Protein backbone atom coordinates (compact mmCIF):
# COMPACT_ATOMS: atom_id res chain seq x y z
CA UNK A 1 -32.22 -153.66 -20.36
CA UNK A 2 -31.86 -156.76 -18.30
CA UNK A 3 -29.97 -158.91 -20.83
CA UNK A 4 -26.36 -159.19 -21.69
CA UNK A 5 -25.57 -159.62 -24.91
CA UNK A 6 -23.06 -162.05 -27.19
CA UNK A 7 -22.57 -162.34 -30.69
CA UNK A 8 -20.68 -165.38 -31.93
CA UNK A 9 -18.50 -164.17 -34.88
CA UNK A 10 -15.75 -166.48 -35.06
CA UNK A 11 -16.57 -169.29 -36.93
CA UNK A 12 -15.83 -170.10 -40.50
CA UNK A 13 -18.35 -172.11 -43.17
CA UNK A 14 -16.85 -173.70 -46.39
CA UNK A 15 -20.28 -172.73 -48.12
CA UNK A 16 -18.83 -169.10 -48.49
CA UNK A 17 -16.05 -170.44 -50.75
CA UNK A 18 -13.55 -167.91 -51.10
CA UNK A 19 -15.43 -164.98 -49.76
CA UNK A 20 -13.72 -166.03 -46.00
CA UNK A 21 -10.33 -165.94 -47.46
CA UNK A 22 -9.74 -162.34 -46.33
CA UNK A 23 -12.17 -161.74 -43.82
CA UNK A 24 -14.87 -163.49 -41.09
CA UNK A 25 -18.21 -164.12 -42.36
CA UNK A 26 -19.32 -161.52 -39.67
CA UNK A 27 -16.95 -158.88 -41.43
CA UNK A 28 -18.63 -159.56 -44.75
CA UNK A 29 -19.98 -155.97 -46.79
CA UNK A 30 -23.27 -155.68 -47.18
CA UNK A 31 -25.78 -153.29 -49.17
CA UNK A 32 -22.78 -151.04 -50.07
CA UNK A 33 -22.16 -149.43 -46.78
CA UNK A 34 -22.48 -151.96 -44.09
CA UNK A 35 -20.68 -154.93 -42.49
CA UNK A 36 -22.72 -158.40 -41.34
CA UNK A 37 -22.17 -157.56 -37.91
CA UNK A 38 -23.65 -154.37 -37.99
CA UNK A 39 -27.60 -155.82 -38.04
CA UNK A 40 -26.75 -157.62 -34.66
CA UNK A 41 -24.99 -154.86 -32.88
CA UNK A 42 -27.80 -152.45 -34.33
CA UNK A 43 -30.21 -154.98 -32.97
CA UNK A 44 -28.72 -154.89 -29.65
CA UNK A 45 -28.06 -151.07 -29.02
CA UNK A 46 -31.77 -150.36 -30.32
CA UNK A 47 -32.79 -152.74 -27.58
CA UNK A 48 -30.67 -150.39 -24.65
CA UNK A 49 -28.52 -153.52 -24.24
CA UNK A 50 -25.59 -151.86 -22.52
CA UNK A 51 -23.37 -154.41 -22.65
CA UNK A 52 -22.24 -156.63 -25.17
CA UNK A 53 -19.43 -159.35 -26.26
CA UNK A 54 -18.16 -160.24 -29.72
CA UNK A 55 -16.45 -163.81 -29.73
CA UNK A 56 -14.16 -163.72 -32.80
CA UNK A 57 -11.57 -166.18 -33.91
CA UNK A 58 -11.46 -167.14 -37.60
CA UNK A 59 -9.84 -164.59 -40.03
CA UNK A 60 -10.52 -161.43 -37.83
CA UNK A 61 -8.16 -158.85 -38.85
CA UNK A 62 -11.16 -156.67 -41.12
CA UNK A 63 -13.66 -157.45 -38.05
CA UNK A 64 -11.46 -156.23 -35.48
CA UNK A 65 -10.80 -153.48 -37.55
CA UNK A 66 -14.21 -152.46 -37.90
CA UNK A 67 -14.89 -152.82 -34.40
CA UNK A 68 -12.14 -150.80 -33.36
CA UNK A 69 -14.35 -147.96 -31.88
CA UNK A 70 -17.31 -148.96 -30.15
CA UNK A 71 -19.02 -145.39 -30.40
CA UNK A 72 -20.89 -145.96 -33.82
CA UNK A 73 -23.15 -148.35 -31.86
CA UNK A 74 -23.49 -146.21 -29.26
CA UNK A 75 -21.50 -148.71 -26.81
CA UNK A 76 -18.92 -146.03 -25.56
CA UNK A 77 -20.08 -145.58 -22.22
CA UNK A 78 -18.94 -145.66 -18.61
CA UNK A 79 -20.95 -148.87 -17.65
CA UNK A 80 -21.12 -151.44 -19.79
CA UNK A 81 -19.73 -150.93 -23.49
CA UNK A 82 -18.71 -153.40 -26.49
CA UNK A 83 -15.77 -156.45 -25.39
CA UNK A 84 -14.21 -157.93 -28.22
CA UNK A 85 -13.22 -161.43 -27.01
CA UNK A 86 -10.49 -163.83 -28.94
CA UNK A 87 -9.71 -167.52 -27.61
CA UNK A 88 -8.12 -167.51 -24.04
CA UNK A 89 -4.93 -169.63 -23.98
CA UNK A 90 -3.87 -170.45 -20.77
CA UNK A 91 -2.18 -172.97 -18.44
CA UNK A 92 -5.36 -175.04 -18.04
CA UNK A 93 -6.53 -174.49 -21.72
CA UNK A 94 -4.75 -174.41 -24.96
CA UNK A 95 -7.38 -174.85 -27.27
CA UNK A 96 -9.00 -172.63 -30.03
CA UNK A 97 -12.62 -172.40 -29.60
CA UNK A 98 -13.82 -175.85 -30.27
CA UNK A 99 -17.66 -175.13 -30.60
CA UNK A 100 -20.04 -172.36 -29.99
CA UNK A 101 -20.26 -173.34 -26.13
CA UNK A 102 -16.67 -173.69 -25.89
CA UNK A 103 -16.47 -170.16 -27.02
CA UNK A 104 -18.57 -168.98 -24.38
CA UNK A 105 -17.34 -171.10 -21.72
CA UNK A 106 -13.60 -169.65 -22.41
CA UNK A 107 -15.30 -166.15 -21.60
CA UNK A 108 -17.44 -167.63 -18.91
CA UNK A 109 -15.90 -164.86 -16.22
CA UNK A 110 -17.65 -162.06 -18.30
CA UNK A 111 -21.04 -163.49 -17.84
CA UNK A 112 -20.01 -164.16 -13.77
CA UNK A 113 -19.06 -160.57 -13.72
CA UNK A 114 -22.55 -159.52 -15.12
CA UNK A 115 -25.40 -158.82 -12.89
CA UNK A 116 -28.22 -158.67 -15.48
CA UNK A 117 -30.55 -161.72 -15.42
CA UNK A 118 -30.85 -162.70 -19.15
CA UNK A 119 -28.17 -163.55 -21.79
CA UNK A 120 -29.00 -162.99 -25.54
CA UNK A 121 -27.08 -164.76 -27.88
CA UNK A 122 -27.05 -164.34 -31.78
CA UNK A 123 -24.83 -165.26 -34.59
CA UNK A 124 -22.91 -162.50 -36.61
CA UNK A 125 -23.70 -163.72 -39.70
CA UNK A 126 -27.40 -162.95 -40.13
CA UNK A 127 -29.13 -160.17 -41.44
CA UNK A 128 -32.00 -158.71 -39.36
CA UNK A 129 -33.61 -156.10 -37.23
CA UNK A 130 -35.20 -156.99 -34.01
CA UNK A 131 -36.53 -155.41 -30.94
CA UNK A 132 -34.80 -158.01 -28.29
CA UNK A 133 -37.20 -156.31 -25.45
CA UNK A 134 -40.52 -158.17 -26.89
CA UNK A 135 -38.40 -161.41 -27.37
CA UNK A 136 -37.11 -161.13 -23.73
CA UNK A 137 -41.10 -160.36 -22.56
CA UNK A 138 -42.12 -163.33 -24.28
CA UNK A 139 -39.48 -165.17 -22.69
CA UNK A 140 -40.64 -164.12 -18.91
CA UNK A 141 -44.29 -164.36 -19.84
CA UNK A 142 -43.80 -168.28 -20.82
CA UNK A 143 -41.61 -168.41 -17.98
CA UNK A 144 -39.33 -170.15 -20.24
CA UNK A 145 -35.85 -171.58 -19.69
CA UNK A 146 -34.81 -170.68 -23.12
CA UNK A 147 -36.18 -169.08 -26.07
CA UNK A 148 -35.16 -169.50 -29.43
CA UNK A 149 -36.44 -167.01 -31.86
CA UNK A 150 -37.65 -169.02 -34.97
CA UNK A 151 -38.46 -167.83 -38.53
CA UNK A 152 -41.24 -169.77 -41.06
CA UNK A 153 -39.05 -170.53 -44.33
CA UNK A 154 -39.97 -170.80 -47.88
CA UNK A 155 -40.47 -174.46 -49.13
CA UNK A 156 -37.46 -174.53 -51.59
CA UNK A 157 -35.26 -173.43 -48.57
CA UNK A 158 -32.21 -175.45 -48.15
CA UNK A 159 -32.87 -176.83 -44.40
CA UNK A 160 -29.36 -178.75 -44.35
CA UNK A 161 -28.21 -175.22 -43.39
CA UNK A 162 -30.51 -174.78 -40.42
CA UNK A 163 -31.81 -175.97 -37.14
CA UNK A 164 -35.46 -177.24 -37.60
CA UNK A 165 -37.93 -176.92 -35.20
CA UNK A 166 -41.10 -178.60 -34.51
CA UNK A 167 -43.70 -176.63 -31.78
CA UNK A 168 -46.94 -177.66 -30.22
CA UNK A 169 -49.73 -175.31 -30.31
CA UNK A 170 -48.39 -173.12 -27.22
CA UNK A 171 -44.84 -172.60 -29.02
CA UNK A 172 -43.32 -175.15 -26.81
CA UNK A 173 -40.28 -176.66 -29.02
CA UNK A 174 -40.88 -180.51 -29.01
CA UNK A 175 -38.16 -181.34 -31.87
CA UNK A 176 -34.89 -179.55 -32.90
CA UNK A 177 -33.38 -181.40 -35.62
CA UNK A 178 -29.80 -179.66 -36.54
CA UNK A 179 -29.27 -179.26 -40.09
CA UNK A 180 -31.48 -182.27 -41.12
CA UNK A 181 -31.03 -184.21 -44.79
CA UNK A 182 -34.80 -184.37 -44.65
CA UNK A 183 -36.86 -181.86 -42.81
CA UNK A 184 -40.22 -182.28 -41.31
CA UNK A 185 -40.85 -178.59 -40.70
CA UNK A 186 -40.12 -175.32 -42.49
CA UNK A 187 -39.34 -173.61 -39.30
CA UNK A 188 -35.88 -172.89 -38.36
CA UNK A 189 -33.97 -171.56 -35.58
CA UNK A 190 -32.49 -168.29 -36.48
CA UNK A 191 -29.49 -168.74 -34.06
CA UNK A 192 -30.73 -166.22 -31.79
CA UNK A 193 -31.27 -167.56 -28.21
CA UNK A 194 -32.47 -166.46 -24.51
CA UNK A 195 -31.33 -167.84 -21.49
CA UNK A 196 -31.40 -167.01 -17.65
CA UNK A 197 -27.70 -166.20 -17.07
CA UNK A 198 -27.01 -168.37 -14.04
CA UNK A 199 -28.72 -171.41 -15.66
CA UNK A 200 -26.49 -171.07 -18.72
CA UNK A 201 -23.31 -170.62 -16.47
CA UNK A 202 -24.55 -174.00 -14.58
CA UNK A 203 -24.89 -175.58 -18.47
CA UNK A 204 -21.87 -174.30 -19.74
CA UNK A 205 -19.78 -175.93 -16.84
CA UNK A 206 -21.36 -179.00 -16.99
CA UNK A 207 -20.81 -179.32 -20.68
CA UNK A 208 -17.15 -178.50 -20.55
CA UNK A 209 -16.84 -181.01 -17.64
CA UNK A 210 -18.03 -183.75 -19.81
CA UNK A 211 -16.10 -182.59 -22.77
CA UNK A 212 -18.97 -181.10 -24.84
CA UNK A 213 -18.69 -177.69 -26.90
CA UNK A 214 -21.74 -177.01 -29.25
CA UNK A 215 -24.16 -174.58 -28.12
CA UNK A 216 -27.05 -176.47 -29.68
CA UNK A 217 -26.12 -180.15 -30.13
CA UNK A 218 -24.83 -180.06 -26.45
CA UNK A 219 -26.75 -177.54 -24.28
CA UNK A 220 -29.98 -176.88 -26.47
CA UNK A 221 -30.96 -180.55 -27.48
CA UNK A 222 -30.14 -182.45 -24.56
CA UNK A 223 -32.86 -180.20 -22.23
CA UNK A 224 -35.56 -180.63 -24.64
CA UNK A 225 -37.39 -182.50 -22.28
CA UNK A 226 -36.32 -181.09 -18.95
CA UNK A 227 -36.06 -177.44 -19.77
CA UNK A 228 -39.03 -175.08 -20.85
CA UNK A 229 -37.87 -174.18 -24.37
CA UNK A 230 -39.88 -171.93 -26.28
CA UNK A 231 -39.68 -170.52 -30.13
CA UNK A 232 -40.58 -167.02 -30.77
CA UNK A 233 -41.69 -166.55 -33.92
CA UNK A 234 -40.16 -163.70 -36.21
CA UNK A 235 -42.26 -161.90 -39.03
CA UNK A 236 -39.79 -159.54 -40.19
CA UNK A 237 -37.12 -159.86 -42.67
CA UNK A 238 -34.28 -162.26 -41.74
CA UNK A 239 -31.46 -163.89 -43.41
CA UNK A 240 -28.30 -165.82 -43.33
CA UNK A 241 -25.43 -165.16 -45.22
CA UNK A 242 -22.98 -168.20 -44.63
CA UNK A 243 -22.96 -169.26 -48.17
CA UNK A 244 -22.28 -167.72 -51.53
CA UNK A 245 -26.11 -167.89 -52.65
CA UNK A 246 -27.26 -166.58 -49.81
CA UNK A 247 -24.86 -163.85 -49.83
CA UNK A 248 -25.66 -162.89 -53.39
CA UNK A 249 -29.20 -163.03 -52.69
CA UNK A 250 -29.45 -160.89 -49.45
CA UNK A 251 -27.39 -158.34 -51.20
CA UNK A 252 -30.06 -158.22 -53.98
CA UNK A 253 -32.85 -158.49 -51.40
CA UNK A 254 -31.70 -154.67 -50.61
CA UNK A 255 -32.60 -153.49 -54.16
CA UNK A 256 -36.40 -154.38 -53.28
CA UNK A 257 -37.75 -150.94 -51.99
CA UNK A 258 -39.82 -152.78 -49.14
CA UNK A 259 -36.79 -154.17 -47.68
CA UNK A 260 -34.58 -150.89 -47.85
CA UNK A 261 -37.97 -149.20 -46.26
CA UNK A 262 -37.63 -151.65 -43.45
CA UNK A 263 -33.95 -151.20 -42.76
CA UNK A 264 -33.95 -147.65 -43.29
CA UNK A 265 -36.63 -146.99 -40.79
CA UNK A 266 -36.31 -146.11 -37.54
CA UNK A 267 -34.50 -147.44 -35.59
CA UNK A 268 -31.54 -147.02 -37.75
CA UNK A 269 -28.93 -149.63 -38.66
CA UNK A 270 -25.45 -148.35 -37.42
CA UNK A 271 -21.80 -148.59 -39.05
CA UNK A 272 -18.55 -147.38 -39.08
CA UNK A 273 -18.27 -144.24 -40.54
CA UNK A 274 -15.60 -143.67 -43.08
CA UNK A 275 -14.83 -140.32 -44.30
CA UNK A 276 -15.40 -140.40 -48.28
CA UNK A 277 -16.81 -138.13 -50.82
CA UNK A 278 -20.18 -139.05 -52.31
CA UNK A 279 -20.69 -141.26 -55.25
CA UNK A 280 -19.67 -139.66 -58.25
CA UNK A 281 -21.58 -140.08 -61.65
CA UNK A 282 -19.25 -138.70 -64.57
CA UNK A 283 -20.89 -137.83 -67.85
CA UNK A 284 -21.69 -141.10 -69.91
CA UNK A 285 -22.66 -143.27 -66.84
CA UNK A 286 -25.95 -145.04 -66.56
CA UNK A 287 -27.26 -146.16 -62.90
CA UNK A 288 -30.36 -148.22 -63.01
CA UNK A 289 -31.87 -150.17 -59.52
CA UNK A 290 -28.62 -150.32 -57.65
CA UNK A 291 -26.80 -149.13 -54.70
CA UNK A 292 -23.65 -147.23 -54.77
CA UNK A 293 -21.81 -146.51 -52.03
CA UNK A 294 -19.52 -143.59 -50.84
CA UNK A 295 -16.27 -142.87 -52.53
CA UNK A 296 -17.42 -144.71 -55.91
CA UNK A 297 -16.68 -143.03 -58.99
CA UNK A 298 -18.99 -144.34 -61.96
CA UNK A 299 -18.54 -143.90 -65.97
CA UNK A 300 -20.39 -146.81 -67.04
CA UNK A 301 -23.50 -148.61 -66.90
CA UNK A 302 -24.71 -150.29 -63.67
CA UNK A 303 -27.77 -151.99 -63.31
CA UNK A 304 -29.52 -154.39 -60.47
CA UNK A 305 -26.17 -154.50 -58.75
CA UNK A 306 -24.62 -153.34 -55.41
CA UNK A 307 -21.26 -151.44 -55.29
CA UNK A 308 -19.36 -150.86 -51.99
CA UNK A 309 -17.28 -148.28 -51.17
CA UNK A 310 -14.56 -146.58 -53.28
CA UNK A 311 -15.11 -148.93 -56.42
CA UNK A 312 -14.18 -147.04 -59.66
CA UNK A 313 -16.17 -148.29 -62.91
CA UNK A 314 -14.38 -147.37 -66.30
CA UNK A 315 -15.75 -146.00 -69.44
CA UNK A 316 -18.10 -148.36 -71.57
CA UNK A 317 -18.32 -150.46 -68.76
CA UNK A 318 -21.43 -152.62 -67.98
CA UNK A 319 -22.32 -154.14 -64.70
CA UNK A 320 -25.29 -156.20 -64.36
CA UNK A 321 -26.73 -158.09 -61.59
CA UNK A 322 -23.58 -158.27 -59.52
CA UNK A 323 -21.90 -157.57 -56.14
CA UNK A 324 -18.81 -155.38 -56.53
CA UNK A 325 -17.04 -155.24 -52.66
CA UNK A 326 -14.63 -152.36 -51.85
CA UNK A 327 -12.09 -150.75 -53.63
CA UNK A 328 -12.41 -152.71 -56.70
CA UNK A 329 -10.73 -151.10 -59.63
CA UNK A 330 -12.16 -151.47 -63.04
CA UNK A 331 -10.64 -150.28 -66.17
CA UNK A 332 -12.37 -149.68 -69.52
CA UNK A 333 -14.34 -151.73 -71.62
CA UNK A 334 -15.28 -154.49 -68.99
CA UNK A 335 -18.39 -156.58 -69.19
CA UNK A 336 -19.41 -158.14 -65.57
CA UNK A 337 -22.55 -160.22 -65.17
CA UNK A 338 -23.95 -162.36 -62.17
CA UNK A 339 -20.55 -162.21 -60.37
CA UNK A 340 -19.40 -161.18 -56.63
CA UNK A 341 -16.10 -159.43 -57.34
CA UNK A 342 -13.73 -159.36 -54.23
CA UNK A 343 -12.52 -156.20 -52.61
CA UNK A 344 -9.56 -154.63 -54.06
CA UNK A 345 -9.39 -156.60 -57.50
CA UNK A 346 -8.19 -154.74 -60.71
CA UNK A 347 -10.26 -155.91 -63.61
CA UNK A 348 -8.26 -155.42 -66.96
CA UNK A 349 -9.40 -153.32 -69.91
CA UNK A 350 -11.68 -155.32 -72.20
CA UNK A 351 -12.42 -158.34 -69.55
CA UNK A 352 -15.56 -160.25 -69.56
CA UNK A 353 -17.05 -162.09 -66.33
CA UNK A 354 -20.36 -163.54 -66.62
CA UNK A 355 -21.55 -166.02 -64.30
CA UNK A 356 -23.26 -168.74 -66.76
CA UNK A 357 -24.08 -171.33 -64.26
CA UNK A 358 -24.50 -169.38 -61.53
CA UNK A 359 -22.91 -166.52 -59.25
CA UNK A 360 -19.08 -166.63 -59.90
CA UNK A 361 -16.50 -165.30 -57.58
CA UNK A 362 -13.87 -163.27 -58.83
CA UNK A 363 -10.60 -163.11 -56.29
CA UNK A 364 -7.16 -162.88 -56.15
CA UNK A 365 -6.11 -162.64 -59.83
CA UNK A 366 -8.56 -165.40 -60.93
CA UNK A 367 -10.29 -163.42 -63.32
CA UNK A 368 -8.12 -164.40 -65.93
CA UNK A 369 -10.18 -167.71 -66.03
CA UNK A 370 -12.94 -165.42 -67.28
CA UNK A 371 -11.43 -163.21 -69.59
CA UNK A 372 -12.17 -163.73 -73.55
């Protein structure tokens, strides 16, 4: 592969509410057995990108632990590999990342010492599976300076969360409106970009010299008129989980057969493997249309839900339309519906947790608000 990969996994988002108190968004558990960053890492590995840098900052302990060994994504190699970068505090710089462009600029030596002619940049908070070779071929065919991977979204999408683009008939991007109040297009940027490596280095150095730090607002948009910036349309599944509703909806999507079939098909999505026993379903359990990860013990009823690793469900419990994160212990006679239960919570006997006006997050003893 003629490209080096960069995954931006250092940010935080207030839309995620309590979910980011324990971890970075990129480390959020998904589909029972995975973390969000697994999808970007697996796509790069499957595309034969041999050198990938992950830029972390906010609440990164859980993410760092997940990435402690590169072998799970086949980056354990003599040449290339997986690089984990945090903010660089030096004599010349005593700032945390001031933006996405600044995050890359602080580790510009990584790009300067690379020999690959192209750079593929992806966000760590998106769920997708992509062959980056096709994107790179498109980038070369168009003789593009920058290629933005785009996706057509439903009309009811909250476009204030995304960059909205408008393209001509040749797929050249004419307008890029970052998080608009009123969108004039339903095509968005997925946060995946292809740059020429030397050109990206020049752009980042210029931005840093002018005190500008954001990859979209200070690198992409200012060069719209003078650079050849094209959009590559993505047809496959894509989701951003950096908000409570989208995180919940993405987990629920994995209960759909067509979504599971897409992600289970070759090439696979890889993740760090824990040595856990298979899920155990005791007498009296009843599980319908749910994902149950390894290490779980089920004694009650689970419907249309996603249970992450090492969840215990007690006797006479009912769990519906919910996402239960790692190592949650649910005692007997508990009713849970339309909830996200944070990891390592203990739900007392007889609790009733129901999200009546939307999805409820239960974390750090806050279950007491819902006990009846």
